[in-house]
N, C-alpha and C. Protein backbone atom coordinates (compact mmCIF):
# COMPACT_ATOMS: atom_id res chain seq x y z
N MET A 1 -13.70 85.40 139.63
CA MET A 1 -12.92 84.92 138.51
C MET A 1 -12.15 86.10 137.92
N ASN A 2 -10.86 86.00 137.89
CA ASN A 2 -10.01 87.07 137.37
C ASN A 2 -9.84 86.90 135.87
N ARG A 3 -9.93 87.98 135.21
CA ARG A 3 -9.68 87.95 133.77
C ARG A 3 -8.41 88.76 133.51
N PHE A 4 -7.55 88.20 132.76
CA PHE A 4 -6.32 88.89 132.40
C PHE A 4 -6.44 89.38 130.97
N PHE A 5 -6.09 90.62 130.80
CA PHE A 5 -6.12 91.20 129.47
C PHE A 5 -4.70 91.25 128.95
N SER A 6 -4.54 90.86 127.75
CA SER A 6 -3.20 90.92 127.16
C SER A 6 -3.18 92.07 126.15
N LEU A 7 -2.13 92.84 126.23
CA LEU A 7 -1.96 93.95 125.29
C LEU A 7 -0.90 93.56 124.28
N ARG A 8 -1.17 93.86 123.07
CA ARG A 8 -0.17 93.58 122.04
C ARG A 8 0.71 94.81 121.90
N ILE A 9 1.95 94.64 122.19
CA ILE A 9 2.91 95.73 122.07
C ILE A 9 3.74 95.47 120.83
N PRO A 10 3.81 96.44 119.93
CA PRO A 10 4.61 96.21 118.72
C PRO A 10 6.09 96.07 119.08
N GLN A 11 6.74 95.20 118.38
CA GLN A 11 8.16 94.97 118.65
C GLN A 11 8.98 96.09 118.03
N LEU A 12 10.02 96.47 118.74
CA LEU A 12 10.92 97.51 118.25
C LEU A 12 12.11 96.83 117.61
N TYR A 13 12.45 97.29 116.46
CA TYR A 13 13.62 96.76 115.79
C TYR A 13 14.76 97.76 115.95
N ILE A 14 15.77 97.36 116.63
CA ILE A 14 16.91 98.23 116.89
C ILE A 14 18.06 97.77 116.01
N THR A 15 18.57 98.69 115.24
CA THR A 15 19.71 98.35 114.40
C THR A 15 20.96 98.97 114.98
N THR A 16 22.03 98.28 114.87
CA THR A 16 23.29 98.80 115.37
C THR A 16 24.05 99.44 114.22
N THR A 17 25.11 100.12 114.56
CA THR A 17 25.92 100.77 113.53
C THR A 17 26.53 99.74 112.60
N SER A 18 26.97 98.63 113.17
CA SER A 18 27.59 97.61 112.31
C SER A 18 26.56 97.05 111.32
N HIS A 19 25.30 96.89 111.78
CA HIS A 19 24.25 96.42 110.89
C HIS A 19 24.04 97.42 109.76
N PHE A 20 24.01 98.72 110.11
CA PHE A 20 23.82 99.76 109.10
C PHE A 20 24.97 99.75 108.10
N GLU A 21 26.18 99.63 108.62
CA GLU A 21 27.34 99.64 107.73
C GLU A 21 27.31 98.44 106.80
N SER A 22 26.89 97.28 107.32
CA SER A 22 26.85 96.11 106.45
C SER A 22 25.77 96.29 105.38
N CYS A 23 24.62 96.87 105.76
CA CYS A 23 23.57 97.14 104.77
C CYS A 23 24.04 98.17 103.76
N TYR A 24 24.71 99.21 104.25
CA TYR A 24 25.21 100.25 103.35
C TYR A 24 26.23 99.66 102.39
N GLY A 25 27.03 98.75 102.90
CA GLY A 25 28.00 98.08 102.04
C GLY A 25 27.31 97.25 100.97
N LYS A 26 26.19 96.57 101.33
CA LYS A 26 25.45 95.77 100.35
C LYS A 26 24.85 96.67 99.28
N VAL A 27 24.30 97.81 99.70
CA VAL A 27 23.72 98.74 98.73
C VAL A 27 24.81 99.24 97.80
N LYS A 28 25.97 99.52 98.34
CA LYS A 28 27.09 100.00 97.54
C LYS A 28 27.51 98.94 96.52
N ILE A 29 27.55 97.68 96.97
CA ILE A 29 27.91 96.59 96.06
C ILE A 29 26.87 96.47 94.95
N LEU A 30 25.58 96.56 95.32
CA LEU A 30 24.53 96.49 94.31
C LEU A 30 24.67 97.63 93.31
N LEU A 31 24.98 98.83 93.81
CA LEU A 31 25.12 99.97 92.92
C LEU A 31 26.30 99.79 91.98
N GLN A 32 27.37 99.23 92.48
CA GLN A 32 28.53 99.04 91.63
C GLN A 32 28.25 97.99 90.56
N ASN A 33 27.49 96.96 90.93
CA ASN A 33 27.20 95.89 89.97
C ASN A 33 26.18 96.31 88.93
N ASP A 34 25.06 96.87 89.39
CA ASP A 34 24.01 97.22 88.45
C ASP A 34 23.32 98.48 88.93
N LYS A 35 23.56 99.59 88.29
CA LYS A 35 23.00 100.86 88.73
C LYS A 35 21.55 101.01 88.31
N SER A 36 21.06 100.14 87.50
CA SER A 36 19.68 100.24 87.06
C SER A 36 18.69 99.77 88.13
N LEU A 37 19.18 99.18 89.23
CA LEU A 37 18.29 98.71 90.29
C LEU A 37 17.68 99.87 91.08
N ARG A 38 18.31 101.03 91.05
CA ARG A 38 17.84 102.18 91.83
C ARG A 38 17.34 103.28 90.90
N SER A 39 16.38 104.03 91.42
CA SER A 39 15.88 105.17 90.65
C SER A 39 16.93 106.29 90.68
N PRO A 40 16.88 107.20 89.73
CA PRO A 40 17.87 108.28 89.71
C PRO A 40 17.84 109.13 90.98
N ARG A 41 16.67 109.30 91.57
CA ARG A 41 16.56 110.10 92.79
C ARG A 41 17.29 109.43 93.94
N VAL A 42 17.12 108.12 94.08
CA VAL A 42 17.80 107.37 95.14
C VAL A 42 19.30 107.38 94.91
N LEU A 43 19.70 107.24 93.64
CA LEU A 43 21.13 107.28 93.31
C LEU A 43 21.75 108.63 93.69
N ALA A 44 21.02 109.72 93.40
CA ALA A 44 21.53 111.05 93.73
C ALA A 44 21.66 111.23 95.25
N LYS A 45 20.68 110.70 95.97
CA LYS A 45 20.71 110.81 97.43
C LYS A 45 21.89 110.02 98.01
N LEU A 46 22.10 108.82 97.51
CA LEU A 46 23.22 108.01 97.99
C LEU A 46 24.57 108.64 97.64
N GLU A 47 24.65 109.24 96.47
CA GLU A 47 25.89 109.90 96.06
C GLU A 47 26.18 111.11 96.95
N LYS A 48 25.13 111.86 97.27
CA LYS A 48 25.30 113.02 98.16
C LYS A 48 25.75 112.57 99.54
N GLU A 49 25.18 111.47 100.04
CA GLU A 49 25.59 110.94 101.34
C GLU A 49 27.04 110.48 101.31
N ARG A 50 27.45 109.87 100.21
CA ARG A 50 28.84 109.43 100.09
C ARG A 50 29.78 110.63 100.10
N GLN A 51 29.41 111.69 99.40
CA GLN A 51 30.25 112.89 99.37
C GLN A 51 30.34 113.52 100.76
N TYR A 52 29.22 113.51 101.48
CA TYR A 52 29.21 114.08 102.82
C TYR A 52 30.15 113.30 103.74
N ARG A 53 30.14 111.98 103.59
CA ARG A 53 31.00 111.14 104.44
C ARG A 53 32.48 111.34 104.12
N THR A 54 32.80 111.71 102.91
CA THR A 54 34.21 111.87 102.54
C THR A 54 34.73 113.27 102.82
N GLN A 55 33.85 114.23 103.19
CA GLN A 55 34.32 115.58 103.51
C GLN A 55 35.09 115.57 104.82
N PRO A 56 36.05 116.48 104.97
CA PRO A 56 36.74 116.58 106.26
C PRO A 56 35.76 117.01 107.35
N GLU A 57 36.05 116.61 108.57
CA GLU A 57 35.15 116.85 109.69
C GLU A 57 34.92 118.34 109.94
N ASN A 58 35.97 119.16 109.80
CA ASN A 58 35.81 120.59 110.12
C ASN A 58 34.93 121.31 109.10
N SER A 59 34.90 120.89 107.85
CA SER A 59 34.04 121.56 106.89
C SER A 59 32.58 121.21 107.15
N ARG A 60 32.31 119.98 107.59
CA ARG A 60 30.95 119.61 107.95
C ARG A 60 30.50 120.41 109.16
N CYS A 61 31.41 120.65 110.07
CA CYS A 61 31.10 121.38 111.29
C CYS A 61 30.62 122.79 110.95
N GLN A 62 31.27 123.44 110.00
CA GLN A 62 30.91 124.80 109.67
C GLN A 62 29.57 124.86 108.94
N GLU A 63 29.21 123.82 108.21
CA GLU A 63 27.94 123.84 107.51
C GLU A 63 26.77 123.60 108.45
N LYS A 64 26.94 122.70 109.39
CA LYS A 64 25.80 122.18 110.11
C LYS A 64 25.60 122.78 111.50
N HIS A 65 26.65 123.19 112.17
CA HIS A 65 26.53 123.57 113.57
C HIS A 65 26.46 125.08 113.75
N SER A 66 26.27 125.48 115.00
CA SER A 66 26.11 126.90 115.31
C SER A 66 27.43 127.65 115.16
N ASP A 67 27.34 128.95 115.30
CA ASP A 67 28.52 129.79 115.15
C ASP A 67 29.56 129.51 116.23
N HIS A 68 29.12 129.20 117.45
CA HIS A 68 30.07 128.93 118.53
C HIS A 68 30.90 127.69 118.22
N VAL A 69 30.24 126.64 117.73
CA VAL A 69 30.95 125.39 117.44
C VAL A 69 31.86 125.57 116.24
N ALA A 70 31.40 126.32 115.25
CA ALA A 70 32.17 126.50 114.03
C ALA A 70 33.32 127.49 114.20
N GLY A 71 33.35 128.23 115.31
CA GLY A 71 34.45 129.16 115.56
C GLY A 71 34.24 130.52 114.93
N ARG A 72 33.01 130.83 114.51
CA ARG A 72 32.74 132.14 113.91
C ARG A 72 32.38 133.19 114.95
N SER A 73 32.22 132.78 116.21
CA SER A 73 31.88 133.71 117.28
C SER A 73 32.66 133.33 118.52
N SER A 74 33.00 134.33 119.32
CA SER A 74 33.79 134.03 120.52
C SER A 74 32.89 133.44 121.60
N LEU A 75 33.45 132.58 122.42
CA LEU A 75 32.68 131.93 123.47
C LEU A 75 32.48 132.83 124.68
N GLU A 76 33.27 133.90 124.79
CA GLU A 76 33.16 134.79 125.95
C GLU A 76 31.92 135.68 125.86
N ARG A 77 31.38 135.83 124.69
CA ARG A 77 30.25 136.73 124.49
C ARG A 77 29.00 136.16 125.14
N LYS A 78 28.22 137.04 125.78
CA LYS A 78 26.99 136.61 126.44
C LYS A 78 25.79 136.94 125.57
N ALA A 79 24.69 136.27 125.84
CA ALA A 79 23.47 136.51 125.09
C ALA A 79 22.87 137.85 125.48
N GLY A 80 22.10 138.42 124.58
CA GLY A 80 21.43 139.68 124.87
C GLY A 80 22.22 140.87 124.35
N ARG A 81 21.64 142.04 124.57
CA ARG A 81 22.32 143.25 124.09
C ARG A 81 23.48 143.61 125.00
N GLU A 82 24.35 144.46 124.49
CA GLU A 82 25.52 144.86 125.27
C GLU A 82 25.10 145.79 126.41
N ARG A 83 25.95 145.86 127.43
CA ARG A 83 25.65 146.70 128.58
C ARG A 83 25.68 148.17 128.20
N ASN A 84 24.81 148.95 128.85
CA ASN A 84 24.81 150.39 128.64
C ASN A 84 25.94 151.05 129.42
N ILE A 85 26.21 150.54 130.60
CA ILE A 85 27.23 151.10 131.49
C ILE A 85 28.25 150.01 131.76
N PRO A 86 29.54 150.36 131.80
CA PRO A 86 30.54 149.34 132.15
C PRO A 86 30.26 148.75 133.53
N GLU A 87 30.58 147.48 133.68
CA GLU A 87 30.26 146.77 134.92
C GLU A 87 30.94 147.40 136.13
N GLU A 88 32.18 147.89 135.96
CA GLU A 88 32.91 148.48 137.08
C GLU A 88 32.21 149.74 137.57
N ALA A 89 31.76 150.59 136.64
CA ALA A 89 31.07 151.83 137.02
C ALA A 89 29.75 151.52 137.72
N GLU A 90 29.02 150.55 137.18
CA GLU A 90 27.74 150.17 137.78
C GLU A 90 27.93 149.62 139.19
N ASN A 91 28.94 148.76 139.36
CA ASN A 91 29.21 148.20 140.69
C ASN A 91 29.64 149.28 141.66
N GLY A 92 30.42 150.27 141.18
CA GLY A 92 30.84 151.37 142.05
C GLY A 92 29.66 152.18 142.54
N ILE A 93 28.71 152.47 141.65
CA ILE A 93 27.53 153.24 142.05
C ILE A 93 26.69 152.46 143.05
N VAL A 94 26.51 151.17 142.79
CA VAL A 94 25.71 150.34 143.69
C VAL A 94 26.37 150.25 145.06
N ASP A 95 27.68 150.06 145.09
CA ASP A 95 28.39 149.97 146.38
C ASP A 95 28.29 151.27 147.16
N LYS A 96 28.39 152.41 146.46
CA LYS A 96 28.26 153.71 147.14
C LYS A 96 26.85 153.90 147.68
N ALA A 97 25.84 153.45 146.93
CA ALA A 97 24.45 153.58 147.38
C ALA A 97 24.21 152.71 148.62
N ILE A 98 24.81 151.52 148.64
CA ILE A 98 24.66 150.64 149.81
C ILE A 98 25.38 151.23 151.01
N ALA A 99 26.56 151.81 150.78
CA ALA A 99 27.30 152.45 151.88
C ALA A 99 26.52 153.64 152.44
N ALA A 100 25.89 154.42 151.56
CA ALA A 100 25.08 155.56 152.02
C ALA A 100 23.88 155.07 152.83
N ALA A 101 23.27 153.98 152.39
CA ALA A 101 22.12 153.43 153.13
C ALA A 101 22.54 152.93 154.50
N ASN A 102 23.72 152.30 154.57
CA ASN A 102 24.22 151.82 155.87
C ASN A 102 24.57 152.97 156.80
N ALA A 103 24.95 154.12 156.23
CA ALA A 103 25.28 155.29 157.04
C ALA A 103 24.03 156.05 157.47
N GLY A 104 22.87 155.64 156.97
CA GLY A 104 21.63 156.27 157.39
C GLY A 104 21.05 157.22 156.36
N PHE A 105 21.58 157.22 155.14
CA PHE A 105 21.08 158.08 154.08
C PHE A 105 20.68 157.25 152.86
N PRO A 106 19.60 156.51 152.98
CA PRO A 106 19.21 155.65 151.85
C PRO A 106 18.71 156.47 150.67
N LEU A 107 18.85 155.91 149.47
CA LEU A 107 18.40 156.56 148.25
C LEU A 107 17.08 155.96 147.80
N THR A 108 16.23 156.80 147.25
CA THR A 108 15.02 156.27 146.63
C THR A 108 15.37 155.74 145.25
N LYS A 109 14.41 155.08 144.63
CA LYS A 109 14.65 154.52 143.29
C LYS A 109 14.95 155.64 142.29
N SER A 110 14.18 156.72 142.35
CA SER A 110 14.40 157.82 141.40
C SER A 110 15.75 158.50 141.64
N GLN A 111 16.15 158.66 142.90
CA GLN A 111 17.47 159.24 143.19
C GLN A 111 18.59 158.35 142.65
N PHE A 112 18.42 157.05 142.81
CA PHE A 112 19.44 156.12 142.33
C PHE A 112 19.55 156.19 140.81
N LEU A 113 18.41 156.22 140.12
CA LEU A 113 18.43 156.30 138.66
C LEU A 113 19.01 157.63 138.18
N GLN A 114 18.77 158.71 138.95
CA GLN A 114 19.38 160.00 138.61
C GLN A 114 20.90 159.93 138.74
N LYS A 115 21.39 159.24 139.78
CA LYS A 115 22.84 159.07 139.95
C LYS A 115 23.43 158.32 138.75
N ILE A 116 22.73 157.30 138.29
CA ILE A 116 23.19 156.55 137.12
C ILE A 116 23.24 157.48 135.91
N GLY A 117 22.20 158.31 135.73
CA GLY A 117 22.17 159.24 134.60
C GLY A 117 23.32 160.24 134.66
N VAL A 118 23.63 160.76 135.85
CA VAL A 118 24.74 161.71 136.01
C VAL A 118 26.06 161.03 135.67
N THR A 119 26.22 159.79 136.11
CA THR A 119 27.46 159.05 135.82
C THR A 119 27.61 158.81 134.33
N VAL A 120 26.51 158.50 133.66
CA VAL A 120 26.55 158.28 132.21
C VAL A 120 26.99 159.55 131.50
N ARG A 121 26.45 160.70 131.93
CA ARG A 121 26.83 161.97 131.31
C ARG A 121 28.29 162.32 131.59
N LYS A 122 28.76 162.05 132.82
CA LYS A 122 30.16 162.35 133.16
C LYS A 122 31.12 161.50 132.34
N LEU A 123 30.78 160.22 132.16
CA LEU A 123 31.65 159.33 131.40
C LEU A 123 31.50 159.51 129.89
N GLY A 124 30.46 160.23 129.47
CA GLY A 124 30.24 160.46 128.05
C GLY A 124 29.87 159.20 127.29
N LEU A 125 29.08 158.34 127.91
CA LEU A 125 28.70 157.07 127.29
C LEU A 125 27.48 157.26 126.39
N LYS A 126 27.45 156.53 125.30
CA LYS A 126 26.27 156.50 124.44
C LYS A 126 25.39 155.36 124.93
N THR A 127 24.21 155.69 125.38
CA THR A 127 23.29 154.66 125.88
C THR A 127 21.95 154.77 125.18
N GLN A 128 21.09 153.82 125.49
CA GLN A 128 19.75 153.82 124.92
C GLN A 128 18.74 154.41 125.90
N PHE A 129 19.24 155.11 126.92
CA PHE A 129 18.35 155.69 127.92
C PHE A 129 17.63 156.89 127.32
N LYS A 130 16.37 157.04 127.69
CA LYS A 130 15.60 158.18 127.23
C LYS A 130 16.03 159.41 128.04
N ASP A 131 16.40 160.46 127.39
CA ASP A 131 16.87 161.70 128.01
C ASP A 131 18.08 161.47 128.91
N GLY A 132 18.87 160.45 128.64
CA GLY A 132 20.09 160.20 129.39
C GLY A 132 19.88 159.60 130.76
N GLN A 133 18.66 159.24 131.11
CA GLN A 133 18.38 158.66 132.42
C GLN A 133 17.70 157.30 132.24
N PRO A 134 18.17 156.28 132.96
CA PRO A 134 17.57 154.95 132.81
C PRO A 134 16.15 154.91 133.35
N GLY A 135 15.40 153.95 132.85
CA GLY A 135 14.00 153.81 133.27
C GLY A 135 13.80 152.60 134.16
N LYS A 136 12.53 152.21 134.27
CA LYS A 136 12.19 151.12 135.18
C LYS A 136 12.71 149.77 134.69
N ASP A 137 12.83 149.58 133.38
CA ASP A 137 13.38 148.31 132.87
C ASP A 137 14.82 148.12 133.32
N TYR A 138 15.59 149.20 133.27
CA TYR A 138 16.98 149.13 133.75
C TYR A 138 17.00 148.81 135.25
N TRP A 139 16.11 149.44 136.00
CA TRP A 139 16.06 149.21 137.45
C TRP A 139 15.75 147.74 137.76
N TYR A 140 14.75 147.19 137.08
CA TYR A 140 14.36 145.81 137.36
C TYR A 140 15.46 144.83 136.96
N SER A 141 16.14 145.09 135.85
CA SER A 141 17.23 144.20 135.47
C SER A 141 18.40 144.31 136.44
N LEU A 142 18.65 145.52 136.97
CA LEU A 142 19.73 145.70 137.94
C LEU A 142 19.41 145.00 139.26
N VAL A 143 18.16 145.08 139.69
CA VAL A 143 17.76 144.41 140.94
C VAL A 143 17.84 142.89 140.78
N LYS A 144 17.58 142.38 139.57
CA LYS A 144 17.72 140.94 139.34
C LYS A 144 19.18 140.51 139.39
N LYS A 145 20.08 141.38 138.88
CA LYS A 145 21.51 141.06 138.91
C LYS A 145 22.09 141.21 140.30
N ARG A 146 21.72 142.28 140.98
CA ARG A 146 22.28 142.58 142.30
C ARG A 146 21.21 142.33 143.35
N LEU A 147 21.28 141.19 144.00
CA LEU A 147 20.24 140.81 144.96
C LEU A 147 20.33 141.62 146.25
N ASP A 148 21.44 142.33 146.47
CA ASP A 148 21.56 143.13 147.67
C ASP A 148 20.85 144.48 147.54
N LEU A 149 20.33 144.81 146.37
CA LEU A 149 19.54 146.02 146.19
C LEU A 149 18.07 145.70 146.40
N ALA A 150 17.39 146.56 147.12
CA ALA A 150 15.96 146.37 147.33
C ALA A 150 15.36 147.70 147.79
N ILE A 151 14.10 147.87 147.51
CA ILE A 151 13.39 149.05 148.00
C ILE A 151 12.68 148.64 149.28
N ARG A 152 12.93 149.40 150.32
CA ARG A 152 12.29 149.12 151.61
C ARG A 152 11.56 150.37 152.07
N LYS A 153 10.42 150.16 152.62
CA LYS A 153 9.64 151.28 153.15
C LYS A 153 10.03 151.48 154.61
N PRO A 154 10.40 152.70 155.00
CA PRO A 154 10.78 152.91 156.40
C PRO A 154 9.59 152.71 157.33
N GLN A 155 9.86 152.13 158.48
CA GLN A 155 8.80 151.88 159.45
C GLN A 155 8.67 153.07 160.39
N LYS A 156 7.46 153.30 160.83
CA LYS A 156 7.24 154.37 161.79
C LYS A 156 7.76 153.91 163.15
N CYS A 157 8.32 154.84 163.86
CA CYS A 157 8.86 154.52 165.18
C CYS A 157 8.12 155.36 166.21
N ALA A 158 7.77 154.77 167.31
CA ALA A 158 7.04 155.48 168.36
C ALA A 158 7.92 156.58 168.95
N SER A 159 7.28 157.64 169.43
CA SER A 159 8.03 158.80 169.93
C SER A 159 8.84 158.45 171.18
N ASN A 160 8.33 157.56 172.03
CA ASN A 160 9.09 157.19 173.24
C ASN A 160 10.34 156.38 172.88
N ARG A 161 10.27 155.60 171.83
CA ARG A 161 11.47 154.87 171.39
C ARG A 161 12.49 155.84 170.81
N LEU A 162 12.02 156.85 170.07
CA LEU A 162 12.93 157.83 169.50
C LEU A 162 13.63 158.65 170.59
N SER A 163 12.90 158.97 171.66
CA SER A 163 13.51 159.77 172.73
C SER A 163 14.59 158.97 173.46
N MET A 164 14.51 157.67 173.44
CA MET A 164 15.51 156.83 174.12
C MET A 164 16.68 156.48 173.20
N MET A 165 16.68 156.96 171.98
CA MET A 165 17.76 156.64 171.05
C MET A 165 18.73 157.82 170.87
N THR A 166 18.82 158.68 171.85
CA THR A 166 19.79 159.78 171.77
C THR A 166 21.16 159.26 172.17
N ARG A 167 22.21 160.01 171.79
CA ARG A 167 23.59 159.58 172.06
C ARG A 167 23.86 159.43 173.56
N PRO A 168 23.48 160.37 174.42
CA PRO A 168 23.78 160.19 175.86
C PRO A 168 23.11 158.95 176.46
N VAL A 169 21.88 158.68 176.04
CA VAL A 169 21.16 157.52 176.59
C VAL A 169 21.84 156.22 176.14
N VAL A 170 22.23 156.14 174.89
CA VAL A 170 22.88 154.94 174.37
C VAL A 170 24.25 154.75 175.02
N ASN A 171 25.02 155.84 175.18
CA ASN A 171 26.34 155.74 175.84
C ASN A 171 26.19 155.27 177.29
N ARG A 172 25.19 155.81 178.01
CA ARG A 172 24.94 155.39 179.39
C ARG A 172 24.61 153.90 179.45
N TYR A 173 23.82 153.42 178.50
CA TYR A 173 23.45 152.00 178.46
C TYR A 173 24.69 151.13 178.30
N PHE A 174 25.58 151.48 177.38
CA PHE A 174 26.77 150.66 177.16
C PHE A 174 27.76 150.77 178.32
N ASP A 175 27.79 151.94 178.98
CA ASP A 175 28.65 152.07 180.18
C ASP A 175 28.16 151.14 181.28
N GLN A 176 26.85 151.10 181.49
CA GLN A 176 26.29 150.22 182.51
C GLN A 176 26.46 148.75 182.13
N LEU A 177 26.43 148.47 180.88
CA LEU A 177 26.60 147.10 180.40
C LEU A 177 28.02 146.61 180.66
N GLY A 178 29.01 147.52 180.52
CA GLY A 178 30.41 147.15 180.71
C GLY A 178 30.79 146.99 182.17
N SER A 179 30.09 147.65 183.10
CA SER A 179 30.47 147.55 184.52
C SER A 179 29.74 146.50 185.28
């Protein structure tokens, strides 16, 4: 025997804007006819609401919304503190470090941070770096921005593989490959 349970769900009363406006109109008519029907506190609240509705839209915007919406701050500005180094200089250093790594002369993290410190001193920039050299926080934020930067540990290579990587051996291999 199956038993069905019924749940009582409270009904939701949804009012539309037109319903609100008609009610607001009725309250307004009541207030005009007899102001003694409402307490002074309710009257003050309704009067304040009426004044708010009659204000121009842009003045309400400046009171209620954020600085971006109100036009008190530029939209181009990003969140957070300002950059210590100009973006062009930072990108130039990173590109040079990547080019050096591709040429076979990779930089360690400390060497890279020293290069940044030297560049800051050459450009005469005022930064928040301790002793003019960036720390690990700067490094981690830079690695998050530039995904092509990474620290890699060099792998050991066997001696027989190293002996076969000389220029004459590699040239001979490509000559035989071409013929």
